[in-house]
């Protein structure tokens, strides 16, 4: 059975609540953008697409290869508009060494499982919304939104499921990162 899978970083409930308040306000100001529900907010590290690879195989490989990978703090930047095929409104994540290292390790693990390496440059972000019409002329810089740091303690393998109500993401398992001990 094929499943639509991706690996990413989940956000804590408190972070999703703060983003939910922001999205509620933006929804009133920008009704032409379809805003995500807070429960779906995450940072994608690797989109696997529709695959027959058993999720437990993916999780086992990730757990083995990420066993020595430490958790880290993730910082966020500004809200931006990413104009591509989908024209997204995103919250940019700051590409620090730990995040890039995790991204490359995950890509290496999944390449060994015959998933194609990403050809595009990694642009870490949380998708907040999608334009329902052509993007252009929107200025979200006035939002002046600052999100607190997020402690990354695990990565998650999710399955994307679509139905009449929309898309939901179901966690198929987590890969816990090594705890950073303070001295």
N, C-alpha and C. Protein backbone atom coordinates (compact mmCIF):
# COMPACT_ATOMS: atom_id res chain seq x y z
N UNK A 1 0.83 -1.18 0.00
CA UNK A 1 0.00 0.00 0.00
C UNK A 1 0.88 1.25 0.00
N UNK A 2 0.59 2.17 -0.91
CA UNK A 2 1.36 3.42 -0.98
C UNK A 2 0.87 4.39 0.07
N UNK A 3 1.83 5.09 0.66
CA UNK A 3 1.53 6.13 1.65
C UNK A 3 2.29 7.38 1.27
N UNK A 4 1.68 8.52 1.53
CA UNK A 4 2.32 9.82 1.28
C UNK A 4 3.00 10.23 2.58
N UNK A 5 4.34 10.21 2.59
CA UNK A 5 5.11 10.38 3.83
C UNK A 5 6.05 11.58 3.76
N UNK A 6 6.37 12.09 4.94
CA UNK A 6 7.42 13.10 5.06
C UNK A 6 8.01 13.06 6.46
N UNK A 7 9.24 13.55 6.56
CA UNK A 7 9.95 13.62 7.84
C UNK A 7 10.07 15.09 8.20
N UNK A 8 9.79 15.41 9.45
CA UNK A 8 9.86 16.81 9.85
C UNK A 8 10.02 17.00 11.33
N UNK A 9 10.01 18.26 11.71
CA UNK A 9 10.11 18.66 13.11
C UNK A 9 8.74 19.17 13.54
N UNK A 10 8.20 18.54 14.56
CA UNK A 10 6.93 19.00 15.11
C UNK A 10 7.16 20.21 16.01
N UNK A 11 6.15 21.01 16.14
CA UNK A 11 6.23 22.20 16.99
C UNK A 11 5.49 21.95 18.29
N UNK A 12 6.00 22.49 19.40
CA UNK A 12 5.31 22.33 20.68
C UNK A 12 3.92 22.98 20.65
N UNK A 13 3.06 22.49 21.51
CA UNK A 13 1.69 23.00 21.59
C UNK A 13 1.66 24.51 21.82
N UNK A 14 2.53 25.01 22.71
CA UNK A 14 2.55 26.45 23.02
C UNK A 14 2.92 27.27 21.78
N UNK A 15 3.82 26.75 20.96
CA UNK A 15 4.22 27.44 19.73
C UNK A 15 3.06 27.44 18.74
N UNK A 16 2.38 26.31 18.63
CA UNK A 16 1.23 26.22 17.72
C UNK A 16 0.12 27.17 18.16
N UNK A 17 -0.07 27.32 19.47
CA UNK A 17 -1.09 28.24 19.97
C UNK A 17 -0.75 29.68 19.60
N UNK A 18 0.51 30.07 19.75
CA UNK A 18 0.93 31.43 19.39
C UNK A 18 0.74 31.67 17.89
N UNK A 19 1.13 30.68 17.11
CA UNK A 19 0.95 30.81 15.66
C UNK A 19 -0.53 30.83 15.29
N UNK A 20 -1.34 30.06 16.02
CA UNK A 20 -2.78 30.05 15.78
C UNK A 20 -3.40 31.43 15.97
N UNK A 21 -2.98 32.14 17.00
CA UNK A 21 -3.47 33.51 17.23
C UNK A 21 -3.06 34.43 16.09
N UNK A 22 -1.81 34.28 15.65
CA UNK A 22 -1.33 35.08 14.53
C UNK A 22 -2.16 34.79 13.28
N UNK A 23 -2.36 33.52 12.98
CA UNK A 23 -3.09 33.13 11.77
C UNK A 23 -4.53 33.60 11.81
N UNK A 24 -5.12 33.60 12.99
CA UNK A 24 -6.49 34.08 13.14
C UNK A 24 -6.58 35.55 12.73
N UNK A 25 -5.63 36.35 13.19
CA UNK A 25 -5.61 37.77 12.81
C UNK A 25 -5.31 37.97 11.34
N UNK A 26 -4.36 37.22 10.82
CA UNK A 26 -4.01 37.33 9.40
C UNK A 26 -5.17 36.89 8.51
N UNK A 27 -5.94 35.91 8.99
CA UNK A 27 -7.09 35.43 8.23
C UNK A 27 -8.11 36.52 7.99
N UNK A 28 -8.25 37.42 8.94
CA UNK A 28 -9.18 38.54 8.77
C UNK A 28 -8.62 39.58 7.80
N UNK A 29 -7.31 39.80 7.86
CA UNK A 29 -6.68 40.79 6.99
C UNK A 29 -6.46 40.28 5.56
N UNK A 30 -6.25 38.98 5.42
CA UNK A 30 -5.92 38.39 4.12
C UNK A 30 -6.81 37.18 3.85
N UNK A 31 -8.10 37.39 3.56
CA UNK A 31 -9.01 36.26 3.35
C UNK A 31 -8.70 35.47 2.07
N UNK A 32 -7.91 36.05 1.17
CA UNK A 32 -7.59 35.35 -0.09
C UNK A 32 -6.48 34.32 0.09
N UNK A 33 -6.00 34.18 1.32
CA UNK A 33 -4.99 33.17 1.62
C UNK A 33 -5.65 32.08 2.45
N UNK A 34 -5.43 30.83 2.07
CA UNK A 34 -5.96 29.70 2.85
C UNK A 34 -4.93 29.39 3.94
N UNK A 35 -5.26 29.74 5.17
CA UNK A 35 -4.34 29.58 6.29
C UNK A 35 -4.41 28.18 6.84
N UNK A 36 -3.27 27.66 7.25
CA UNK A 36 -3.20 26.33 7.85
C UNK A 36 -3.80 26.35 9.25
N UNK A 37 -4.30 25.20 9.68
CA UNK A 37 -4.76 25.07 11.06
C UNK A 37 -3.52 24.80 11.92
N UNK A 38 -3.49 25.32 13.14
CA UNK A 38 -2.30 25.18 13.98
C UNK A 38 -1.84 23.73 14.18
N UNK A 39 -2.77 22.79 14.23
CA UNK A 39 -2.42 21.38 14.46
C UNK A 39 -1.50 20.83 13.37
N UNK A 40 -1.55 21.40 12.17
CA UNK A 40 -0.76 20.88 11.05
C UNK A 40 0.62 21.53 10.92
N UNK A 41 0.91 22.54 11.72
CA UNK A 41 2.16 23.29 11.54
C UNK A 41 3.37 22.45 11.94
N UNK A 42 4.37 22.46 11.08
CA UNK A 42 5.60 21.68 11.27
C UNK A 42 6.66 22.23 10.32
N UNK A 43 7.88 21.76 10.47
CA UNK A 43 8.96 22.10 9.55
C UNK A 43 9.36 20.81 8.83
N UNK A 44 9.13 20.76 7.53
CA UNK A 44 9.47 19.58 6.74
C UNK A 44 10.98 19.52 6.50
N UNK A 45 11.55 18.36 6.79
CA UNK A 45 12.97 18.12 6.51
C UNK A 45 13.15 17.33 5.22
N UNK A 46 12.22 16.43 4.95
CA UNK A 46 12.33 15.61 3.74
C UNK A 46 10.95 15.10 3.36
N UNK A 47 10.50 15.44 2.15
CA UNK A 47 9.25 14.94 1.62
C UNK A 47 9.56 13.66 0.85
N UNK A 48 8.90 12.57 1.21
CA UNK A 48 9.17 11.28 0.58
C UNK A 48 8.20 10.96 -0.54
N UNK A 49 7.05 11.59 -0.54
CA UNK A 49 6.06 11.34 -1.57
C UNK A 49 5.30 10.06 -1.31
N UNK A 50 4.66 9.55 -2.35
CA UNK A 50 3.91 8.30 -2.26
C UNK A 50 4.89 7.14 -2.37
N UNK A 51 4.92 6.32 -1.34
CA UNK A 51 5.92 5.26 -1.29
C UNK A 51 5.33 3.97 -0.72
N UNK A 52 5.92 2.86 -1.14
CA UNK A 52 5.54 1.56 -0.59
C UNK A 52 6.51 1.12 0.51
N UNK A 53 7.54 1.91 0.75
CA UNK A 53 8.51 1.57 1.80
C UNK A 53 7.78 1.56 3.14
N UNK A 54 7.99 0.50 3.90
CA UNK A 54 7.32 0.33 5.19
C UNK A 54 7.82 1.40 6.16
N UNK A 55 6.90 2.13 6.82
CA UNK A 55 7.33 3.18 7.76
C UNK A 55 8.33 2.70 8.81
N UNK A 56 8.16 1.49 9.31
CA UNK A 56 9.08 1.00 10.35
C UNK A 56 10.50 0.86 9.81
N UNK A 57 10.64 0.56 8.53
CA UNK A 57 11.97 0.49 7.91
C UNK A 57 12.63 1.86 7.93
N UNK A 58 11.85 2.88 7.60
CA UNK A 58 12.36 4.25 7.60
C UNK A 58 12.74 4.66 9.02
N UNK A 59 11.86 4.41 9.97
CA UNK A 59 12.11 4.79 11.36
C UNK A 59 13.33 4.07 11.93
N UNK A 60 13.46 2.79 11.64
CA UNK A 60 14.61 2.03 12.14
C UNK A 60 15.92 2.60 11.60
N UNK A 61 15.94 2.89 10.30
CA UNK A 61 17.16 3.46 9.69
C UNK A 61 17.48 4.82 10.28
N UNK A 62 16.46 5.65 10.45
CA UNK A 62 16.69 6.98 11.04
C UNK A 62 17.19 6.87 12.47
N UNK A 63 16.60 5.97 13.25
CA UNK A 63 17.03 5.80 14.65
C UNK A 63 18.49 5.35 14.73
N UNK A 64 18.89 4.44 13.85
CA UNK A 64 20.27 3.96 13.86
C UNK A 64 21.25 5.08 13.50
N UNK A 65 20.93 5.82 12.46
CA UNK A 65 21.87 6.83 11.95
C UNK A 65 21.84 8.13 12.73
N UNK A 66 20.76 8.39 13.46
CA UNK A 66 20.67 9.63 14.22
C UNK A 66 20.93 9.42 15.71
N UNK A 67 21.37 8.24 16.08
CA UNK A 67 21.57 7.91 17.50
C UNK A 67 22.54 8.86 18.19
N UNK A 68 23.52 9.37 17.48
CA UNK A 68 24.51 10.27 18.08
C UNK A 68 24.20 11.75 17.81
N UNK A 69 23.04 12.02 17.24
CA UNK A 69 22.68 13.40 16.90
C UNK A 69 21.99 14.05 18.09
N UNK A 70 22.52 15.18 18.50
CA UNK A 70 21.97 15.89 19.65
C UNK A 70 20.82 16.80 19.25
N UNK A 71 19.91 16.98 20.20
CA UNK A 71 18.86 17.97 20.02
C UNK A 71 19.48 19.36 19.99
N UNK A 72 18.70 20.35 19.61
CA UNK A 72 19.22 21.71 19.49
C UNK A 72 18.07 22.71 19.57
N UNK A 73 18.44 23.96 19.59
CA UNK A 73 17.46 25.05 19.63
C UNK A 73 17.25 25.58 18.22
N UNK A 74 15.99 25.72 17.84
CA UNK A 74 15.62 26.22 16.52
C UNK A 74 15.10 27.64 16.67
N UNK A 75 15.67 28.54 15.92
CA UNK A 75 15.26 29.94 15.92
C UNK A 75 14.50 30.26 14.64
N UNK A 76 13.52 31.13 14.77
CA UNK A 76 12.73 31.53 13.62
C UNK A 76 13.00 32.97 13.25
N UNK A 77 12.86 33.25 11.97
CA UNK A 77 13.06 34.60 11.46
C UNK A 77 11.74 35.27 11.17
N UNK A 78 11.60 35.74 9.95
CA UNK A 78 10.45 36.54 9.56
C UNK A 78 9.40 35.73 8.81
N UNK A 79 8.24 36.35 8.69
CA UNK A 79 7.20 35.80 7.83
C UNK A 79 7.52 36.29 6.42
N UNK A 80 7.46 35.38 5.46
CA UNK A 80 7.83 35.73 4.09
C UNK A 80 6.86 35.09 3.12
N UNK A 81 6.89 35.56 1.90
CA UNK A 81 6.10 34.96 0.82
C UNK A 81 7.07 34.21 -0.07
N UNK A 82 6.80 32.93 -0.25
CA UNK A 82 7.62 32.07 -1.10
C UNK A 82 6.83 31.84 -2.38
N UNK A 83 7.26 32.48 -3.45
CA UNK A 83 6.55 32.35 -4.71
C UNK A 83 7.17 31.19 -5.49
N UNK A 84 6.41 30.11 -5.56
CA UNK A 84 6.80 28.95 -6.36
C UNK A 84 5.52 28.43 -7.00
N UNK A 85 5.45 27.13 -7.28
CA UNK A 85 4.24 26.60 -7.90
C UNK A 85 3.01 26.81 -7.03
N UNK A 86 3.20 26.85 -5.70
CA UNK A 86 2.06 26.95 -4.80
C UNK A 86 1.88 28.33 -4.18
N UNK A 87 2.85 29.19 -4.24
CA UNK A 87 2.83 30.51 -3.61
C UNK A 87 2.40 30.41 -2.15
N UNK A 88 3.39 30.28 -1.28
CA UNK A 88 3.16 30.03 0.14
C UNK A 88 3.50 31.25 0.98
N UNK A 89 2.82 31.34 2.11
CA UNK A 89 3.21 32.27 3.17
C UNK A 89 3.91 31.40 4.20
N UNK A 90 5.14 31.76 4.55
CA UNK A 90 5.94 30.89 5.42
C UNK A 90 6.55 31.67 6.57
N UNK A 91 6.85 30.95 7.63
CA UNK A 91 7.66 31.47 8.73
C UNK A 91 9.04 30.86 8.53
N UNK A 92 10.01 31.70 8.26
CA UNK A 92 11.36 31.20 7.98
C UNK A 92 12.04 30.71 9.25
N UNK A 93 12.70 29.57 9.12
CA UNK A 93 13.55 29.07 10.20
C UNK A 93 14.97 29.50 9.88
N UNK A 94 15.72 29.84 10.89
CA UNK A 94 17.09 30.27 10.66
C UNK A 94 17.97 29.04 10.46
N UNK A 95 18.65 29.01 9.31
CA UNK A 95 19.46 27.86 8.92
C UNK A 95 20.76 27.83 9.69
N UNK A 96 20.73 27.27 10.85
CA UNK A 96 21.94 27.16 11.65
C UNK A 96 22.57 25.79 11.42
N UNK A 97 23.80 25.65 11.86
CA UNK A 97 24.59 24.45 11.59
C UNK A 97 23.88 23.17 12.04
N UNK A 98 23.28 23.17 13.22
CA UNK A 98 22.62 21.96 13.72
C UNK A 98 21.46 21.53 12.84
N UNK A 99 20.67 22.49 12.38
CA UNK A 99 19.53 22.18 11.52
C UNK A 99 20.02 21.65 10.18
N UNK A 100 21.02 22.29 9.60
CA UNK A 100 21.56 21.83 8.31
C UNK A 100 22.18 20.44 8.43
N UNK A 101 22.88 20.19 9.52
CA UNK A 101 23.48 18.88 9.75
C UNK A 101 22.41 17.80 9.84
N UNK A 102 21.34 18.08 10.58
CA UNK A 102 20.24 17.12 10.70
C UNK A 102 19.61 16.86 9.34
N UNK A 103 19.37 17.91 8.58
CA UNK A 103 18.80 17.79 7.24
C UNK A 103 19.66 16.88 6.35
N UNK A 104 20.98 17.10 6.35
CA UNK A 104 21.88 16.29 5.51
C UNK A 104 21.93 14.84 5.99
N UNK A 105 21.95 14.62 7.28
CA UNK A 105 21.96 13.24 7.80
C UNK A 105 20.70 12.50 7.38
N UNK A 106 19.56 13.16 7.49
CA UNK A 106 18.30 12.52 7.10
C UNK A 106 18.30 12.22 5.62
N UNK A 107 18.77 13.14 4.80
CA UNK A 107 18.85 12.90 3.36
C UNK A 107 19.74 11.71 3.05
N UNK A 108 20.88 11.60 3.74
CA UNK A 108 21.79 10.47 3.52
C UNK A 108 21.13 9.14 3.88
N UNK A 109 20.44 9.11 5.02
CA UNK A 109 19.75 7.88 5.44
C UNK A 109 18.71 7.48 4.40
N UNK A 110 17.93 8.44 3.96
CA UNK A 110 16.84 8.13 3.04
C UNK A 110 17.34 7.83 1.64
N UNK A 111 18.47 8.39 1.27
CA UNK A 111 19.08 8.05 -0.02
C UNK A 111 19.49 6.57 -0.02
N UNK A 112 19.96 6.08 1.11
CA UNK A 112 20.30 4.65 1.23
C UNK A 112 19.07 3.76 1.10
N UNK A 113 17.89 4.32 1.38
CA UNK A 113 16.63 3.58 1.22
C UNK A 113 16.02 3.82 -0.17
N UNK A 114 16.82 4.40 -1.06
CA UNK A 114 16.46 4.64 -2.47
C UNK A 114 15.50 5.81 -2.69
N UNK A 115 15.43 6.73 -1.73
CA UNK A 115 14.69 7.97 -1.96
C UNK A 115 15.64 8.96 -2.62
N UNK A 116 15.14 9.70 -3.59
CA UNK A 116 15.99 10.66 -4.31
C UNK A 116 16.45 11.78 -3.40
N UNK A 117 17.68 12.19 -3.59
CA UNK A 117 18.23 13.34 -2.85
C UNK A 117 17.53 14.60 -3.36
N UNK A 118 17.26 15.52 -2.46
CA UNK A 118 16.65 16.79 -2.86
C UNK A 118 17.57 17.54 -3.80
N UNK A 119 17.01 18.01 -4.90
CA UNK A 119 17.79 18.78 -5.86
C UNK A 119 17.78 20.27 -5.53
N UNK A 120 16.69 20.70 -4.88
CA UNK A 120 16.58 22.11 -4.52
C UNK A 120 17.35 22.40 -3.23
N UNK A 121 17.78 23.64 -3.12
CA UNK A 121 18.45 24.09 -1.90
C UNK A 121 17.45 24.02 -0.74
N UNK A 122 17.92 23.58 0.41
CA UNK A 122 17.07 23.47 1.59
C UNK A 122 16.68 24.87 2.08
N UNK A 123 15.40 25.10 2.17
CA UNK A 123 14.86 26.37 2.65
C UNK A 123 13.96 26.06 3.84
N UNK A 124 14.52 26.04 5.05
CA UNK A 124 13.73 25.64 6.21
C UNK A 124 12.66 26.67 6.55
N UNK A 125 11.42 26.18 6.67
CA UNK A 125 10.30 27.07 6.93
C UNK A 125 9.11 26.27 7.46
N UNK A 126 8.19 26.98 8.03
CA UNK A 126 6.90 26.43 8.44
C UNK A 126 5.86 27.08 7.53
N UNK A 127 5.12 26.27 6.78
CA UNK A 127 4.09 26.82 5.90
C UNK A 127 2.91 27.28 6.73
N UNK A 128 2.58 28.56 6.60
CA UNK A 128 1.46 29.15 7.34
C UNK A 128 0.19 29.23 6.50
N UNK A 129 0.36 29.39 5.18
CA UNK A 129 -0.80 29.52 4.32
C UNK A 129 -0.43 29.38 2.86
N UNK A 130 -1.49 29.24 2.04
CA UNK A 130 -1.32 29.11 0.59
C UNK A 130 -2.26 30.11 -0.09
N UNK A 131 -1.75 30.76 -1.12
CA UNK A 131 -2.58 31.71 -1.85
C UNK A 131 -3.63 30.97 -2.65
N UNK A 132 -4.85 31.50 -2.65
CA UNK A 132 -5.91 30.90 -3.46
C UNK A 132 -5.92 31.51 -4.86
N UNK A 133 -5.22 32.62 -5.03
CA UNK A 133 -5.05 33.24 -6.34
C UNK A 133 -3.57 33.57 -6.50
N UNK A 134 -3.22 34.17 -7.61
CA UNK A 134 -1.81 34.48 -7.86
C UNK A 134 -1.25 35.39 -6.78
N UNK A 135 -0.05 35.05 -6.31
CA UNK A 135 0.60 35.86 -5.28
C UNK A 135 1.11 37.16 -5.89
N UNK A 136 1.02 38.20 -5.13
CA UNK A 136 1.57 39.46 -5.61
C UNK A 136 0.94 40.62 -4.88
N UNK A 137 1.76 41.59 -4.55
CA UNK A 137 1.25 42.79 -3.93
C UNK A 137 0.98 42.69 -2.44
N UNK A 138 1.30 41.57 -1.84
CA UNK A 138 1.05 41.42 -0.40
C UNK A 138 2.31 41.78 0.37
N UNK A 139 2.11 42.51 1.43
CA UNK A 139 3.23 42.88 2.29
C UNK A 139 2.89 42.45 3.70
N UNK A 140 3.56 41.42 4.17
CA UNK A 140 3.31 40.90 5.50
C UNK A 140 4.35 41.37 6.50
N UNK A 141 5.21 42.29 6.07
CA UNK A 141 6.30 42.71 6.95
C UNK A 141 5.78 43.47 8.18
N UNK A 142 4.59 44.01 8.10
CA UNK A 142 4.04 44.77 9.23
C UNK A 142 3.59 43.88 10.38
N UNK A 143 3.57 42.57 10.16
CA UNK A 143 3.11 41.68 11.22
C UNK A 143 4.02 41.72 12.43
N UNK A 144 5.31 41.98 12.23
CA UNK A 144 6.26 42.15 13.34
C UNK A 144 6.09 41.04 14.39
N UNK A 145 6.05 39.83 13.92
CA UNK A 145 5.81 38.68 14.80
C UNK A 145 7.13 38.03 15.17
N UNK A 146 7.32 37.78 16.44
CA UNK A 146 8.55 37.11 16.90
C UNK A 146 8.15 35.87 17.67
N UNK A 147 8.62 34.74 17.21
CA UNK A 147 8.31 33.47 17.84
C UNK A 147 9.47 33.04 18.73
N UNK A 148 9.17 32.59 19.94
CA UNK A 148 10.25 32.10 20.81
C UNK A 148 10.95 30.90 20.18
N UNK A 149 12.15 30.64 20.64
CA UNK A 149 12.91 29.47 20.18
C UNK A 149 12.15 28.19 20.49
N UNK A 150 12.47 27.18 19.71
CA UNK A 150 11.88 25.86 19.90
C UNK A 150 13.01 24.86 20.15
N UNK A 151 12.85 24.05 21.17
CA UNK A 151 13.83 23.00 21.44
C UNK A 151 13.48 21.79 20.57
N UNK A 152 14.39 21.40 19.71
CA UNK A 152 14.18 20.24 18.84
C UNK A 152 14.73 19.02 19.56
N UNK A 153 13.82 18.13 19.92
CA UNK A 153 14.19 16.93 20.68
C UNK A 153 13.96 15.65 19.89
N UNK A 154 13.26 15.78 18.75
CA UNK A 154 12.93 14.60 17.95
C UNK A 154 12.57 15.03 16.54
N UNK A 155 12.61 14.07 15.63
CA UNK A 155 12.03 14.25 14.30
C UNK A 155 10.92 13.21 14.17
N UNK A 156 9.95 13.53 13.34
CA UNK A 156 8.76 12.69 13.22
C UNK A 156 8.58 12.24 11.78
N UNK A 157 8.13 11.00 11.61
CA UNK A 157 7.70 10.50 10.31
C UNK A 157 6.19 10.64 10.28
N UNK A 158 5.68 11.42 9.32
CA UNK A 158 4.25 11.66 9.20
C UNK A 158 3.71 11.06 7.92
N UNK A 159 2.43 10.71 7.98
CA UNK A 159 1.68 10.32 6.80
C UNK A 159 0.65 11.40 6.54
N UNK A 160 0.61 11.86 5.31
CA UNK A 160 -0.38 12.86 4.89
C UNK A 160 -1.59 12.11 4.34
N UNK A 161 -2.76 12.37 4.94
CA UNK A 161 -3.99 11.71 4.51
C UNK A 161 -4.98 12.76 4.04
N UNK A 162 -5.55 12.55 2.85
CA UNK A 162 -6.52 13.49 2.29
C UNK A 162 -7.90 12.87 2.27
N UNK A 163 -8.89 13.71 2.55
CA UNK A 163 -10.29 13.31 2.41
C UNK A 163 -11.10 14.55 2.04
N UNK A 164 -12.43 14.44 2.08
CA UNK A 164 -13.29 15.56 1.70
C UNK A 164 -13.08 16.79 2.56
N UNK A 165 -12.66 16.59 3.80
CA UNK A 165 -12.48 17.69 4.75
C UNK A 165 -11.12 18.38 4.60
N UNK A 166 -10.21 17.79 3.84
CA UNK A 166 -8.89 18.36 3.67
C UNK A 166 -7.80 17.35 3.98
N UNK A 167 -6.66 17.85 4.38
CA UNK A 167 -5.51 17.00 4.66
C UNK A 167 -5.23 16.98 6.15
N UNK A 168 -4.91 15.79 6.66
CA UNK A 168 -4.46 15.66 8.04
C UNK A 168 -3.12 14.95 8.03
N UNK A 169 -2.34 15.19 9.08
CA UNK A 169 -1.04 14.55 9.22
C UNK A 169 -1.08 13.63 10.42
N UNK A 170 -0.72 12.38 10.19
CA UNK A 170 -0.73 11.37 11.25
C UNK A 170 0.71 10.98 11.55
N UNK A 171 1.10 11.08 12.81
CA UNK A 171 2.45 10.67 13.21
C UNK A 171 2.55 9.15 13.18
N UNK A 172 3.57 8.65 12.47
CA UNK A 172 3.81 7.21 12.42
C UNK A 172 4.92 6.80 13.37
N UNK A 173 5.59 7.78 13.95
CA UNK A 173 6.64 7.50 14.92
C UNK A 173 7.65 8.62 15.00
N UNK A 174 8.34 8.67 16.12
CA UNK A 174 9.35 9.69 16.35
C UNK A 174 10.73 9.06 16.46
N UNK A 175 11.72 9.86 16.12
CA UNK A 175 13.12 9.51 16.34
C UNK A 175 13.64 10.53 17.34
N UNK A 176 13.85 10.07 18.56
CA UNK A 176 14.29 10.97 19.63
C UNK A 176 15.77 11.26 19.46
N UNK A 177 16.11 12.54 19.53
CA UNK A 177 17.51 12.95 19.43
C UNK A 177 18.15 12.90 20.80
N UNK A 178 19.46 12.79 20.80
CA UNK A 178 20.21 12.69 22.05
C UNK A 178 20.05 13.99 22.84
N UNK A 179 19.85 13.84 24.13
CA UNK A 179 19.68 15.01 25.00
C UNK A 179 21.02 15.71 25.19
N UNK A 180 20.98 17.02 25.14
CA UNK A 180 22.19 17.80 25.37
C UNK A 180 22.30 18.03 26.87
N UNK A 181 23.39 17.56 27.44
CA UNK A 181 23.60 17.73 28.89
C UNK A 181 24.31 19.04 29.14
N UNK A 182 23.77 19.82 30.05
CA UNK A 182 24.42 21.09 30.39
C UNK A 182 25.51 20.84 31.43
N UNK A 183 26.60 21.58 31.31
CA UNK A 183 27.72 21.34 32.22
C UNK A 183 27.69 22.29 33.39
